[in-house]
């Protein structure tokens, strides 16, 4: 699992596999689910991430970790 943050866009993407997305479905407002060609969920995009419960402190912390060249830990 991998988490990608786009701070300027205020979006987060939770990648569950590295498969290519074949379709995207809206789960609810600001939440999109990507599925591969066979149907399984491969990732979820959260728009307006800061207002969706991802605190600005948490986002800033991850950003600083990525800046130092290390991927943030998901544990």
PDB file of N, CA and C in Angstrom:
ATOM      1  N   UNK A   1       0.848  -1.176   0.000  1.00  0.00           N
ATOM      2  CA  UNK A   1       0.000   0.000   0.000  1.00  0.00           C
ATOM      3  C   UNK A   1       0.888   1.231   0.000  1.00  0.00           C
ATOM      4  N   UNK A   2       0.454   2.229  -0.736  1.00  0.00           N
ATOM      5  CA  UNK A   2       1.225   3.465  -0.833  1.00  0.00           C
ATOM      6  C   UNK A   2       0.270   4.648  -0.736  1.00  0.00           C
ATOM      7  N   UNK A   3       0.729   5.698  -0.098  1.00  0.00           N
ATOM      8  CA  UNK A   3      -0.056   6.925   0.020  1.00  0.00           C
ATOM      9  C   UNK A   3       0.662   8.019  -0.743  1.00  0.00           C
ATOM     10  N   UNK A   4      -0.041   8.671  -1.649  1.00  0.00           N
ATOM     11  CA  UNK A   4       0.509   9.810  -2.373  1.00  0.00           C
ATOM     12  C   UNK A   4      -0.308  11.034  -2.015  1.00  0.00           C
ATOM     13  N   UNK A   5       0.384  12.139  -1.748  1.00  0.00           N
ATOM     14  CA  UNK A   5      -0.292  13.394  -1.420  1.00  0.00           C
ATOM     15  C   UNK A   5       0.054  14.442  -2.459  1.00  0.00           C
ATOM     16  N   UNK A   6      -0.936  15.161  -2.899  1.00  0.00           N
ATOM     17  CA  UNK A   6      -0.732  16.299  -3.790  1.00  0.00           C
ATOM     18  C   UNK A   6      -1.200  17.513  -3.005  1.00  0.00           C
ATOM     19  N   UNK A   7      -0.242  18.162  -2.322  1.00  0.00           N
ATOM     20  CA  UNK A   7      -0.589  19.243  -1.405  1.00  0.00           C
ATOM     21  C   UNK A   7      -1.250  20.420  -2.107  1.00  0.00           C
ATOM     22  N   UNK A   8      -0.761  20.778  -3.290  1.00  0.00           N
ATOM     23  CA  UNK A   8      -1.356  21.916  -4.007  1.00  0.00           C
ATOM     24  C   UNK A   8      -2.795  21.638  -4.419  1.00  0.00           C
ATOM     25  N   UNK A   9      -3.078  20.383  -4.737  1.00  0.00           N
ATOM     26  CA  UNK A   9      -4.438  20.009  -5.148  1.00  0.00           C
ATOM     27  C   UNK A   9      -5.298  19.613  -3.950  1.00  0.00           C
ATOM     28  N   UNK A  10      -4.672  19.498  -2.762  1.00  0.00           N
ATOM     29  CA  UNK A  10      -5.379  19.085  -1.553  1.00  0.00           C
ATOM     30  C   UNK A  10      -6.050  17.733  -1.767  1.00  0.00           C
ATOM     31  N   UNK A  11      -5.284  16.781  -2.304  1.00  0.00           N
ATOM     32  CA  UNK A  11      -5.812  15.453  -2.614  1.00  0.00           C
ATOM     33  C   UNK A  11      -4.862  14.380  -2.096  1.00  0.00           C
ATOM     34  N   UNK A  12      -5.424  13.216  -1.795  1.00  0.00           N
ATOM     35  CA  UNK A  12      -4.643  12.063  -1.363  1.00  0.00           C
ATOM     36  C   UNK A  12      -5.066  10.860  -2.184  1.00  0.00           C
ATOM     37  N   UNK A  13      -4.101   9.974  -2.478  1.00  0.00           N
ATOM     38  CA  UNK A  13      -4.411   8.752  -3.219  1.00  0.00           C
ATOM     39  C   UNK A  13      -3.828   7.572  -2.469  1.00  0.00           C
ATOM     40  N   UNK A  14      -4.680   6.628  -2.092  1.00  0.00           N
ATOM     41  CA  UNK A  14      -4.270   5.410  -1.412  1.00  0.00           C
ATOM     42  C   UNK A  14      -4.179   4.316  -2.476  1.00  0.00           C
ATOM     43  N   UNK A  15      -2.961   3.917  -2.813  1.00  0.00           N
ATOM     44  CA  UNK A  15      -2.743   2.904  -3.844  1.00  0.00           C
ATOM     45  C   UNK A  15      -2.574   1.544  -3.180  1.00  0.00           C
ATOM     46  N   UNK A  16      -3.416   0.598  -3.555  1.00  0.00           N
ATOM     47  CA  UNK A  16      -3.372  -0.730  -2.955  1.00  0.00           C
ATOM     48  C   UNK A  16      -2.528  -1.701  -3.767  1.00  0.00           C
ATOM     49  N   UNK A  17      -2.489  -1.507  -5.089  1.00  0.00           N
ATOM     50  CA  UNK A  17      -1.629  -2.292  -5.971  1.00  0.00           C
ATOM     51  C   UNK A  17      -1.090  -1.361  -7.041  1.00  0.00           C
ATOM     52  N   UNK A  18      -0.106  -1.826  -7.792  1.00  0.00           N
ATOM     53  CA  UNK A  18       0.431  -0.999  -8.870  1.00  0.00           C
ATOM     54  C   UNK A  18      -0.224  -1.308 -10.219  1.00  0.00           C
ATOM     55  N   UNK A  19      -1.356  -2.001 -10.193  1.00  0.00           N
ATOM     56  CA  UNK A  19      -2.098  -2.295 -11.422  1.00  0.00           C
ATOM     57  C   UNK A  19      -2.623  -1.002 -12.041  1.00  0.00           C
ATOM     58  N   UNK A  20      -2.833  -1.027 -13.347  1.00  0.00           N
ATOM     59  CA  UNK A  20      -3.349   0.143 -14.044  1.00  0.00           C
ATOM     60  C   UNK A  20      -4.869   0.225 -13.893  1.00  0.00           C
ATOM     61  N   UNK A  21      -5.359   1.420 -13.631  1.00  0.00           N
ATOM     62  CA  UNK A  21      -6.809   1.620 -13.475  1.00  0.00           C
ATOM     63  C   UNK A  21      -7.507   1.501 -14.825  1.00  0.00           C
ATOM     64  N   UNK A  22      -8.569   0.715 -14.845  1.00  0.00           N
ATOM     65  CA  UNK A  22      -9.380   0.564 -16.050  1.00  0.00           C
ATOM     66  C   UNK A  22     -10.674   1.358 -15.931  1.00  0.00           C
ATOM     67  N   UNK A  23     -11.100   1.605 -14.689  1.00  0.00           N
ATOM     68  CA  UNK A  23     -12.327   2.382 -14.480  1.00  0.00           C
ATOM     69  C   UNK A  23     -12.255   3.110 -13.155  1.00  0.00           C
ATOM     70  N   UNK A  24     -13.004   4.196 -13.077  1.00  0.00           N
ATOM     71  CA  UNK A  24     -13.095   4.991 -11.853  1.00  0.00           C
ATOM     72  C   UNK A  24     -14.560   5.211 -11.540  1.00  0.00           C
ATOM     73  N   UNK A  25     -14.926   4.957 -10.288  1.00  0.00           N
ATOM     74  CA  UNK A  25     -16.300   5.127  -9.841  1.00  0.00           C
ATOM     75  C   UNK A  25     -16.340   6.104  -8.675  1.00  0.00           C
ATOM     76  N   UNK A  26     -17.316   6.999  -8.688  1.00  0.00           N
ATOM     77  CA  UNK A  26     -17.511   7.901  -7.555  1.00  0.00           C
ATOM     78  C   UNK A  26     -18.167   7.112  -6.429  1.00  0.00           C
ATOM     79  N   UNK A  27     -17.521   7.114  -5.265  1.00  0.00           N
ATOM     80  CA  UNK A  27     -18.079   6.439  -4.092  1.00  0.00           C
ATOM     81  C   UNK A  27     -19.064   7.380  -3.410  1.00  0.00           C
ATOM     82  N   UNK A  28     -18.631   8.610  -3.228  1.00  0.00           N
ATOM     83  CA  UNK A  28     -19.433   9.696  -2.674  1.00  0.00           C
ATOM     84  C   UNK A  28     -18.731  10.977  -3.090  1.00  0.00           C
ATOM     85  N   UNK A  29     -19.267  12.085  -2.747  1.00  0.00           N
ATOM     86  CA  UNK A  29     -18.665  13.360  -3.133  1.00  0.00           C
ATOM     87  C   UNK A  29     -17.223  13.452  -2.646  1.00  0.00           C
ATOM     88  N   UNK A  30     -16.297  13.637  -3.587  1.00  0.00           N
ATOM     89  CA  UNK A  30     -14.892  13.786  -3.223  1.00  0.00           C
ATOM     90  C   UNK A  30     -14.150  12.495  -2.977  1.00  0.00           C
ATOM     91  N   UNK A  31     -14.769  11.341  -3.233  1.00  0.00           N
ATOM     92  CA  UNK A  31     -14.133  10.031  -3.037  1.00  0.00           C
ATOM     93  C   UNK A  31     -14.298   9.229  -4.326  1.00  0.00           C
ATOM     94  N   UNK A  32     -13.173   8.812  -4.911  1.00  0.00           N
ATOM     95  CA  UNK A  32     -13.200   8.067  -6.161  1.00  0.00           C
ATOM     96  C   UNK A  32     -12.477   6.741  -5.981  1.00  0.00           C
ATOM     97  N   UNK A  33     -13.053   5.673  -6.521  1.00  0.00           N
ATOM     98  CA  UNK A  33     -12.459   4.343  -6.433  1.00  0.00           C
ATOM     99  C   UNK A  33     -11.974   3.920  -7.807  1.00  0.00           C
ATOM    100  N   UNK A  34     -10.709   3.510  -7.887  1.00  0.00           N
ATOM    101  CA  UNK A  34     -10.148   2.985  -9.127  1.00  0.00           C
ATOM    102  C   UNK A  34     -10.162   1.463  -9.071  1.00  0.00           C
ATOM    103  N   UNK A  35     -10.549   0.849 -10.193  1.00  0.00           N
ATOM    104  CA  UNK A  35     -10.569  -0.606 -10.303  1.00  0.00           C
ATOM    105  C   UNK A  35      -9.757  -1.025 -11.518  1.00  0.00           C
ATOM    106  N   UNK A  36      -9.182  -2.229 -11.472  1.00  0.00           N
ATOM    107  CA  UNK A  36      -8.450  -2.712 -12.627  1.00  0.00           C
ATOM    108  C   UNK A  36      -9.421  -3.356 -13.618  1.00  0.00           C
ATOM    109  N   UNK A  37      -8.901  -3.904 -14.691  1.00  0.00           N
ATOM    110  CA  UNK A  37      -9.742  -4.459 -15.759  1.00  0.00           C
ATOM    111  C   UNK A  37     -10.598  -5.636 -15.289  1.00  0.00           C
ATOM    112  N   UNK A  38     -10.153  -6.329 -14.250  1.00  0.00           N
ATOM    113  CA  UNK A  38     -10.911  -7.469 -13.738  1.00  0.00           C
ATOM    114  C   UNK A  38     -11.907  -7.083 -12.655  1.00  0.00           C
ATOM    115  N   UNK A  39     -11.870  -5.835 -12.212  1.00  0.00           N
ATOM    116  CA  UNK A  39     -12.851  -5.357 -11.255  1.00  0.00           C
ATOM    117  C   UNK A  39     -12.381  -5.043  -9.854  1.00  0.00           C
ATOM    118  N   UNK A  40     -11.313  -5.691  -9.342  1.00  0.00           N
ATOM    119  CA  UNK A  40     -10.907  -5.403  -7.966  1.00  0.00           C
ATOM    120  C   UNK A  40     -10.453  -3.961  -7.747  1.00  0.00           C
ATOM    121  N   UNK A  41     -10.708  -3.481  -6.552  1.00  0.00           N
ATOM    122  CA  UNK A  41     -10.295  -2.140  -6.143  1.00  0.00           C
ATOM    123  C   UNK A  41      -8.778  -2.065  -6.094  1.00  0.00           C
ATOM    124  N   UNK A  42      -8.198  -1.032  -6.723  1.00  0.00           N
ATOM    125  CA  UNK A  42      -6.747  -0.870  -6.696  1.00  0.00           C
ATOM    126  C   UNK A  42      -6.319   0.426  -6.015  1.00  0.00           C
ATOM    127  N   UNK A  43      -7.252   1.387  -5.843  1.00  0.00           N
ATOM    128  CA  UNK A  43      -6.895   2.638  -5.198  1.00  0.00           C
ATOM    129  C   UNK A  43      -8.094   3.518  -4.929  1.00  0.00           C
ATOM    130  N   UNK A  44      -7.914   4.441  -3.997  1.00  0.00           N
ATOM    131  CA  UNK A  44      -8.973   5.389  -3.637  1.00  0.00           C
ATOM    132  C   UNK A  44      -8.379   6.788  -3.612  1.00  0.00           C
ATOM    133  N   UNK A  45      -9.036   7.724  -4.286  1.00  0.00           N
ATOM    134  CA  UNK A  45      -8.615   9.119  -4.268  1.00  0.00           C
ATOM    135  C   UNK A  45      -9.556   9.908  -3.374  1.00  0.00           C
ATOM    136  N   UNK A  46      -8.981  10.738  -2.512  1.00  0.00           N
ATOM    137  CA  UNK A  46      -9.757  11.595  -1.625  1.00  0.00           C
ATOM    138  C   UNK A  46      -9.458  13.037  -2.013  1.00  0.00           C
ATOM    139  N   UNK A  47     -10.469  13.727  -2.507  1.00  0.00           N
ATOM    140  CA  UNK A  47     -10.332  15.135  -2.850  1.00  0.00           C
ATOM    141  C   UNK A  47     -10.651  15.964  -1.616  1.00  0.00           C
ATOM    142  N   UNK A  48     -10.135  17.168  -1.536  1.00  0.00           N
ATOM    143  CA  UNK A  48     -10.285  18.013  -0.343  1.00  0.00           C
ATOM    144  C   UNK A  48      -9.822  17.241   0.889  1.00  0.00           C
ATOM    145  N   UNK A  49      -8.617  16.693   0.797  1.00  0.00           N
ATOM    146  CA  UNK A  49      -8.096  15.790   1.826  1.00  0.00           C
ATOM    147  C   UNK A  49      -8.036  16.422   3.212  1.00  0.00           C
ATOM    148  N   UNK A  50      -7.668  17.684   3.302  1.00  0.00           N
ATOM    149  CA  UNK A  50      -7.556  18.326   4.618  1.00  0.00           C
ATOM    150  C   UNK A  50      -8.902  18.393   5.317  1.00  0.00           C
ATOM    151  N   UNK A  51      -9.963  18.675   4.573  1.00  0.00           N
ATOM    152  CA  UNK A  51     -11.286  18.761   5.188  1.00  0.00           C
ATOM    153  C   UNK A  51     -11.944  17.392   5.331  1.00  0.00           C
ATOM    154  N   UNK A  52     -11.296  16.349   4.805  1.00  0.00           N
ATOM    155  CA  UNK A  52     -11.847  14.991   4.902  1.00  0.00           C
ATOM    156  C   UNK A  52     -11.277  14.229   6.087  1.00  0.00           C
ATOM    157  N   UNK A  53     -10.636  14.936   7.015  1.00  0.00           N
ATOM    158  CA  UNK A  53     -10.120  14.281   8.207  1.00  0.00           C
ATOM    159  C   UNK A  53      -8.618  14.067   8.196  1.00  0.00           C
ATOM    160  N   UNK A  54      -7.944  14.399   7.088  1.00  0.00           N
ATOM    161  CA  UNK A  54      -6.485  14.330   7.071  1.00  0.00           C
ATOM    162  C   UNK A  54      -5.982  15.672   7.563  1.00  0.00           C
ATOM    163  N   UNK A  55      -5.501  15.706   8.774  1.00  0.00           N
ATOM    164  CA  UNK A  55      -5.111  16.979   9.387  1.00  0.00           C
ATOM    165  C   UNK A  55      -3.942  17.619   8.658  1.00  0.00           C
ATOM    166  N   UNK A  56      -3.878  18.937   8.702  1.00  0.00           N
ATOM    167  CA  UNK A  56      -2.783  19.652   8.050  1.00  0.00           C
ATOM    168  C   UNK A  56      -1.445  19.306   8.699  1.00  0.00           C
ATOM    169  N   UNK A  57      -1.435  18.986   9.992  1.00  0.00           N
ATOM    170  CA  UNK A  57      -0.185  18.587  10.655  1.00  0.00           C
ATOM    171  C   UNK A  57       0.309  17.272  10.074  1.00  0.00           C
ATOM    172  N   UNK A  58      -0.593  16.317   9.884  1.00  0.00           N
ATOM    173  CA  UNK A  58      -0.246  15.010   9.325  1.00  0.00           C
ATOM    174  C   UNK A  58       0.251  15.165   7.900  1.00  0.00           C
ATOM    175  N   UNK A  59      -0.430  15.969   7.086  1.00  0.00           N
ATOM    176  CA  UNK A  59      -0.029  16.192   5.702  1.00  0.00           C
ATOM    177  C   UNK A  59       1.338  16.870   5.660  1.00  0.00           C
ATOM    178  N   UNK A  60       1.574  17.859   6.498  1.00  0.00           N
ATOM    179  CA  UNK A  60       2.861  18.546   6.543  1.00  0.00           C
ATOM    180  C   UNK A  60       3.958  17.581   6.960  1.00  0.00           C
ATOM    181  N   UNK A  61       3.702  16.735   7.928  1.00  0.00           N
ATOM    182  CA  UNK A  61       4.679  15.762   8.390  1.00  0.00           C
ATOM    183  C   UNK A  61       5.071  14.818   7.265  1.00  0.00           C
ATOM    184  N   UNK A  62       4.087  14.300   6.518  1.00  0.00           N
ATOM    185  CA  UNK A  62       4.380  13.410   5.404  1.00  0.00           C
ATOM    186  C   UNK A  62       5.168  14.134   4.329  1.00  0.00           C
ATOM    187  N   UNK A  63       4.810  15.369   4.069  1.00  0.00           N
ATOM    188  CA  UNK A  63       5.493  16.144   3.043  1.00  0.00           C
ATOM    189  C   UNK A  63       6.962  16.307   3.392  1.00  0.00           C
ATOM    190  N   UNK A  64       7.275  16.607   4.640  1.00  0.00           N
ATOM    191  CA  UNK A  64       8.663  16.772   5.065  1.00  0.00           C
ATOM    192  C   UNK A  64       9.420  15.456   4.955  1.00  0.00           C
ATOM    193  N   UNK A  65       8.775  14.338   5.276  1.00  0.00           N
ATOM    194  CA  UNK A  65       9.410  13.037   5.161  1.00  0.00           C
ATOM    195  C   UNK A  65       9.744  12.744   3.705  1.00  0.00           C
ATOM    196  N   UNK A  66       8.809  13.014   2.797  1.00  0.00           N
ATOM    197  CA  UNK A  66       9.039  12.771   1.381  1.00  0.00           C
ATOM    198  C   UNK A  66      10.140  13.677   0.854  1.00  0.00           C
ATOM    199  N   UNK A  67      10.215  14.899   1.345  1.00  0.00           N
ATOM    200  CA  UNK A  67      11.237  15.835   0.917  1.00  0.00           C
ATOM    201  C   UNK A  67      12.637  15.320   1.234  1.00  0.00           C
ATOM    202  N   UNK A  68      12.769  14.586   2.307  1.00  0.00           N
ATOM    203  CA  UNK A  68      14.078  14.036   2.682  1.00  0.00           C
ATOM    204  C   UNK A  68      14.398  12.781   1.889  1.00  0.00           C
ATOM    205  N   UNK A  69      13.532  12.387   0.960  1.00  0.00           N
ATOM    206  CA  UNK A  69      13.822  11.260   0.091  1.00  0.00           C
ATOM    207  C   UNK A  69      13.400   9.914   0.628  1.00  0.00           C
ATOM    208  N   UNK A  70      12.613   9.906   1.701  1.00  0.00           N
ATOM    209  CA  UNK A  70      12.130   8.641   2.256  1.00  0.00           C
ATOM    210  C   UNK A  70      10.631   8.589   2.087  1.00  0.00           C
ATOM    211  N   UNK A  71      10.131   7.420   1.753  1.00  0.00           N
ATOM    212  CA  UNK A  71       8.689   7.235   1.663  1.00  0.00           C
ATOM    213  C   UNK A  71       8.125   7.190   3.085  1.00  0.00           C
ATOM    214  N   UNK A  72       6.951   7.782   3.302  1.00  0.00           N
ATOM    215  CA  UNK A  72       6.362   7.747   4.639  1.00  0.00           C
ATOM    216  C   UNK A  72       5.939   6.336   5.002  1.00  0.00           C
ATOM    217  N   UNK A  73       6.084   6.004   6.254  1.00  0.00           N
ATOM    218  CA  UNK A  73       5.678   4.682   6.732  1.00  0.00           C
ATOM    219  C   UNK A  73       4.168   4.642   6.934  1.00  0.00           C
ATOM    220  N   UNK A  74       3.563   3.546   6.552  1.00  0.00           N
ATOM    221  CA  UNK A  74       2.121   3.380   6.723  1.00  0.00           C
ATOM    222  C   UNK A  74       1.813   2.568   7.979  1.00  0.00           C
ATOM    223  N   UNK A  75       2.801   2.278   8.805  1.00  0.00           N
ATOM    224  CA  UNK A  75       2.570   1.463  10.016  1.00  0.00           C
ATOM    225  C   UNK A  75       2.214   2.300  11.192  1.00  0.00           C
TER     226      UNK A  75
END
